[in-house]
């Protein structure tokens, strides 16, 4: 899927830039706050918090920032008044788009997200309009030079993983969200470096976007949504064929 691979590369590279200017740290702090708020401050007993802390450490978020976010979530410090919501809609060519949101002001966020959709020839939809097209998966990324595929398959499958594939820049291990911590622990015990891990929403079917103009609108929508301070993650079901990517100068 050229479009998905391209977007994954953009997103990861942009995350490094965002981390340097603190924008990504702000988003990760929100994830830690909400995880601690709902499951408590102990990452050993709160897997959601463990994953949020791991994600923060992966981009060198300072320990004091992490601890401050945990305390905000448990009520020891101010700043824990965040609401979770999922916004769903359609991009150009009928591409399904799903955004996970953490905000302290839903009345501000909703019109801003709606405007982004409209700017990119899309439309914000009703709750449930596209969520059924996605499934939640655990995704663990490992550097290509950290392990060979055969060994990775052996470790991953034994720990409950379902699939190992070679991504553009890393090995990608997929599993049910409930077993992701076990997969990570098994890899660590085997001396395999885990670069990143997250719970993602992956499409069950995809829409081919063959027009370069439409493809540009879809990628613009993804980037604008990902850039919004209240958007934690963006998922979409587009596939941009290689020919369209080449026409965009992105192939």
Protein backbone atom coordinates (compact mmCIF):
# COMPACT_ATOMS: atom_id res chain seq x y z
CA UNK A 1 0.00 0.00 0.00
CA UNK A 2 2.02 2.90 -1.28
CA UNK A 3 -0.19 5.55 0.30
CA UNK A 4 -0.12 4.00 3.74
CA UNK A 5 3.62 3.45 3.59
CA UNK A 6 4.19 7.01 2.44
CA UNK A 7 2.03 8.44 5.21
CA UNK A 8 3.72 6.24 7.82
CA UNK A 9 7.10 7.63 6.74
CA UNK A 10 5.84 11.23 6.82
CA UNK A 11 4.26 10.72 10.24
CA UNK A 12 7.35 9.16 11.83
CA UNK A 13 9.73 11.80 10.43
CA UNK A 14 7.38 14.60 11.45
CA UNK A 15 7.17 13.13 14.95
CA UNK A 16 10.91 13.62 15.34
CA UNK A 17 10.60 17.28 14.34
CA UNK A 18 7.55 17.74 16.58
CA UNK A 19 9.44 16.18 19.48
CA UNK A 20 12.23 18.72 19.10
CA UNK A 21 9.81 21.62 19.36
CA UNK A 22 7.82 20.05 22.19
CA UNK A 23 4.60 19.58 20.23
CA UNK A 24 4.70 15.79 20.39
CA UNK A 25 5.55 15.92 24.09
CA UNK A 26 2.35 17.89 24.68
CA UNK A 27 0.28 15.23 22.91
CA UNK A 28 2.01 12.42 24.78
CA UNK A 29 1.49 14.20 28.09
CA UNK A 30 -2.26 14.24 27.37
CA UNK A 31 -2.19 10.48 26.71
CA UNK A 32 -0.39 9.90 30.02
CA UNK A 33 -2.82 12.14 31.90
CA UNK A 34 -5.89 10.29 30.64
CA UNK A 35 -4.32 6.86 31.17
CA UNK A 36 -3.44 7.72 34.79
CA UNK A 37 -6.85 9.30 35.34
CA UNK A 38 -8.71 6.13 34.34
CA UNK A 39 -6.31 3.40 35.49
CA UNK A 40 -4.12 4.80 38.24
CA UNK A 41 -0.45 5.78 38.50
CA UNK A 42 1.15 2.31 38.47
CA UNK A 43 2.23 1.32 34.93
CA UNK A 44 2.62 -2.30 35.99
CA UNK A 45 -1.08 -2.41 36.79
CA UNK A 46 -2.18 0.00 34.05
CA UNK A 47 -1.16 -1.16 30.57
CA UNK A 48 -2.53 1.94 28.90
CA UNK A 49 -0.26 4.06 31.08
CA UNK A 50 2.70 1.77 30.39
CA UNK A 51 2.26 2.17 26.63
CA UNK A 52 1.89 5.95 26.97
CA UNK A 53 5.06 6.18 29.07
CA UNK A 54 6.97 3.94 26.64
CA UNK A 55 5.89 6.18 23.75
CA UNK A 56 7.07 9.25 25.66
CA UNK A 57 10.44 7.70 26.48
CA UNK A 58 10.90 6.70 22.83
CA UNK A 59 11.04 10.40 21.86
CA UNK A 60 13.18 11.42 24.86
CA UNK A 61 10.43 13.15 26.82
CA UNK A 62 12.01 14.20 30.15
CA UNK A 63 11.19 12.09 33.22
CA UNK A 64 9.93 15.13 35.11
CA UNK A 65 7.42 15.83 32.32
CA UNK A 66 6.19 12.24 32.49
CA UNK A 67 5.83 12.36 36.28
CA UNK A 68 4.04 15.70 36.10
CA UNK A 69 1.54 14.28 33.59
CA UNK A 70 0.89 11.25 35.81
CA UNK A 71 0.22 13.52 38.80
CA UNK A 72 -2.14 15.64 36.70
CA UNK A 73 -4.03 12.48 35.80
CA UNK A 74 -4.35 11.31 39.40
CA UNK A 75 -5.42 14.75 40.59
CA UNK A 76 -2.25 15.66 42.50
CA UNK A 77 -1.66 18.53 40.06
CA UNK A 78 -3.99 20.65 37.93
CA UNK A 79 -4.46 19.98 34.23
CA UNK A 80 -6.23 16.62 34.22
CA UNK A 81 -9.57 17.84 32.87
CA UNK A 82 -9.43 16.15 29.47
CA UNK A 83 -12.23 14.49 27.49
CA UNK A 84 -11.79 11.60 25.08
CA UNK A 85 -13.74 11.45 21.84
CA UNK A 86 -13.58 9.94 18.38
CA UNK A 87 -14.38 12.01 15.30
CA UNK A 88 -15.26 10.23 12.08
CA UNK A 89 -15.69 11.41 8.54
CA UNK A 90 -14.77 11.14 4.89
CA UNK A 91 -11.95 12.60 2.86
CA UNK A 92 -11.66 13.05 -0.90
CA UNK A 93 -12.71 9.99 -2.98
CA UNK A 94 -14.81 8.72 -0.07
CA UNK A 95 -11.79 7.77 2.06
CA UNK A 96 -12.84 6.85 5.61
CA UNK A 97 -11.04 8.87 8.30
CA UNK A 98 -11.09 8.33 12.06
CA UNK A 99 -9.48 10.68 14.63
CA UNK A 100 -8.90 9.98 18.31
CA UNK A 101 -9.16 13.22 20.28
CA UNK A 102 -8.13 14.42 23.74
CA UNK A 103 -9.37 17.91 24.52
CA UNK A 104 -10.12 20.24 27.42
CA UNK A 105 -12.72 22.08 25.33
CA UNK A 106 -14.92 20.04 23.01
CA UNK A 107 -16.80 23.16 21.88
CA UNK A 108 -13.53 24.54 20.49
CA UNK A 109 -12.20 21.32 19.01
CA UNK A 110 -15.28 20.12 17.08
CA UNK A 111 -15.60 23.14 14.75
CA UNK A 112 -11.84 23.21 14.19
CA UNK A 113 -11.82 19.55 13.09
CA UNK A 114 -14.88 20.13 10.90
CA UNK A 115 -13.14 23.04 9.19
CA UNK A 116 -10.06 20.90 8.44
CA UNK A 117 -12.23 18.27 6.76
CA UNK A 118 -14.01 20.90 4.67
CA UNK A 119 -10.75 22.59 3.62
CA UNK A 120 -9.58 19.27 2.14
CA UNK A 121 -12.80 18.44 0.27
CA UNK A 122 -13.98 16.15 3.06
CA UNK A 123 -16.86 16.01 5.50
CA UNK A 124 -17.15 15.26 9.21
CA UNK A 125 -19.67 12.48 9.75
CA UNK A 126 -21.88 11.05 12.48
CA UNK A 127 -20.59 8.82 15.27
CA UNK A 128 -20.18 5.28 13.97
CA UNK A 129 -20.16 6.16 10.27
CA UNK A 130 -16.68 4.71 9.62
CA UNK A 131 -15.48 3.14 12.89
CA UNK A 132 -16.74 -0.27 11.74
CA UNK A 133 -14.19 -0.19 8.90
CA UNK A 134 -11.26 -0.32 11.34
CA UNK A 135 -9.94 -2.79 13.90
CA UNK A 136 -7.63 -2.12 16.84
CA UNK A 137 -4.22 -3.78 16.59
CA UNK A 138 -1.04 -3.80 18.62
CA UNK A 139 1.89 -2.66 16.46
CA UNK A 140 5.51 -3.12 17.58
CA UNK A 141 8.29 -1.63 15.45
CA UNK A 142 11.83 -3.04 15.49
CA UNK A 143 14.94 -1.79 13.64
CA UNK A 144 15.77 -3.89 10.59
CA UNK A 145 19.26 -4.62 11.89
CA UNK A 146 18.05 -5.71 15.35
CA UNK A 147 16.93 -9.19 14.31
CA UNK A 148 16.39 -11.36 11.25
CA UNK A 149 12.86 -12.23 10.12
CA UNK A 150 13.01 -15.92 11.03
CA UNK A 151 14.11 -15.22 14.61
CA UNK A 152 11.57 -12.42 14.94
CA UNK A 153 8.79 -14.72 13.78
CA UNK A 154 9.84 -17.37 16.28
CA UNK A 155 9.86 -14.96 19.23
CA UNK A 156 6.75 -13.08 18.18
CA UNK A 157 4.51 -16.05 17.41
CA UNK A 158 5.47 -17.79 20.62
CA UNK A 159 4.45 -14.65 22.55
CA UNK A 160 1.09 -14.39 20.78
CA UNK A 161 1.85 -12.15 17.80
CA UNK A 162 -0.09 -12.77 14.61
CA UNK A 163 2.15 -11.38 11.89
CA UNK A 164 5.64 -10.08 11.17
CA UNK A 165 6.23 -7.94 8.09
CA UNK A 166 8.97 -5.72 6.71
CA UNK A 167 7.95 -2.08 6.66
CA UNK A 168 9.69 0.77 4.83
CA UNK A 169 12.24 1.28 7.61
CA UNK A 170 11.48 -1.31 10.33
CA UNK A 171 10.12 -4.74 11.09
CA UNK A 172 6.47 -4.52 12.09
CA UNK A 173 4.99 -7.05 14.51
CA UNK A 174 1.18 -7.09 14.77
CA UNK A 175 -0.88 -8.62 17.55
CA UNK A 176 -4.06 -8.29 19.56
CA UNK A 177 -3.83 -5.25 21.87
CA UNK A 178 -4.27 -7.48 24.93
CA UNK A 179 -1.04 -9.42 24.26
CA UNK A 180 1.18 -6.53 23.12
CA UNK A 181 2.88 -6.14 26.50
CA UNK A 182 3.76 -9.86 26.44
CA UNK A 183 5.20 -9.55 22.94
CA UNK A 184 7.32 -6.55 24.00
CA UNK A 185 8.57 -8.40 27.10
CA UNK A 186 9.45 -11.48 25.04
CA UNK A 187 11.42 -9.40 22.56
CA UNK A 188 13.25 -7.59 25.36
CA UNK A 189 14.11 -10.92 27.05
CA UNK A 190 15.58 -12.13 23.76
CA UNK A 191 17.73 -9.00 23.48
CA UNK A 192 15.76 -7.52 20.58
CA UNK A 193 15.51 -3.71 20.56
CA UNK A 194 11.96 -2.35 20.36
CA UNK A 195 11.94 1.05 18.66
CA UNK A 196 8.27 1.89 19.21
CA UNK A 197 4.95 0.30 20.11
CA UNK A 198 1.38 1.54 19.94
CA UNK A 199 -2.26 0.55 19.65
CA UNK A 200 -3.42 1.51 16.16
CA UNK A 201 -6.60 1.35 14.13
CA UNK A 202 -6.06 -0.45 10.84
CA UNK A 203 -8.59 -0.53 7.97
CA UNK A 204 -10.23 -3.82 7.07
CA UNK A 205 -10.64 -2.66 3.45
CA UNK A 206 -9.03 0.12 1.42
CA UNK A 207 -10.08 2.70 -1.16
CA UNK A 208 -7.79 3.24 -4.17
CA UNK A 209 -7.18 6.95 -4.79
CA UNK A 210 -5.89 7.01 -8.37
CA UNK A 211 -6.21 10.73 -9.15
CA UNK A 212 -3.11 12.73 -8.13
CA UNK A 213 -5.32 15.72 -7.25
CA UNK A 214 -7.52 13.59 -4.99
CA UNK A 215 -4.47 11.91 -3.49
CA UNK A 216 -2.98 15.29 -2.63
CA UNK A 217 -6.21 16.26 -0.84
CA UNK A 218 -6.16 13.03 1.18
CA UNK A 219 -2.53 13.47 2.24
CA UNK A 220 -3.17 17.13 3.07
CA UNK A 221 -6.13 16.14 5.25
CA UNK A 222 -4.05 13.54 7.08
CA UNK A 223 -1.24 16.01 7.75
CA UNK A 224 -3.54 18.83 8.87
CA UNK A 225 -5.41 16.54 11.27
CA UNK A 226 -2.19 15.05 12.63
CA UNK A 227 -0.89 18.57 13.20
CA UNK A 228 -3.87 19.60 15.37
CA UNK A 229 -2.95 19.83 19.06
CA UNK A 230 -5.99 17.82 20.21
CA UNK A 231 -5.62 14.94 17.73
CA UNK A 232 -3.87 11.95 19.27
CA UNK A 233 -4.01 9.69 16.21
CA UNK A 234 -5.45 9.58 12.70
CA UNK A 235 -6.44 6.46 10.77
CA UNK A 236 -7.67 6.23 7.19
CA UNK A 237 -8.37 3.52 4.61
CA UNK A 238 -6.70 4.98 1.53
CA UNK A 239 -4.30 3.32 -0.88
CA UNK A 240 -2.52 5.55 -3.37
CA UNK A 241 -1.15 3.52 -6.31
CA UNK A 242 2.52 4.00 -7.22
CA UNK A 243 1.60 5.87 -10.41
CA UNK A 244 -0.33 8.52 -8.49
CA UNK A 245 2.45 8.82 -5.92
CA UNK A 246 4.97 9.33 -8.71
CA UNK A 247 2.78 12.03 -10.26
CA UNK A 248 2.80 13.81 -6.90
CA UNK A 249 6.57 13.63 -6.84
CA UNK A 250 6.34 11.43 -3.73
CA UNK A 251 7.11 8.03 -5.21
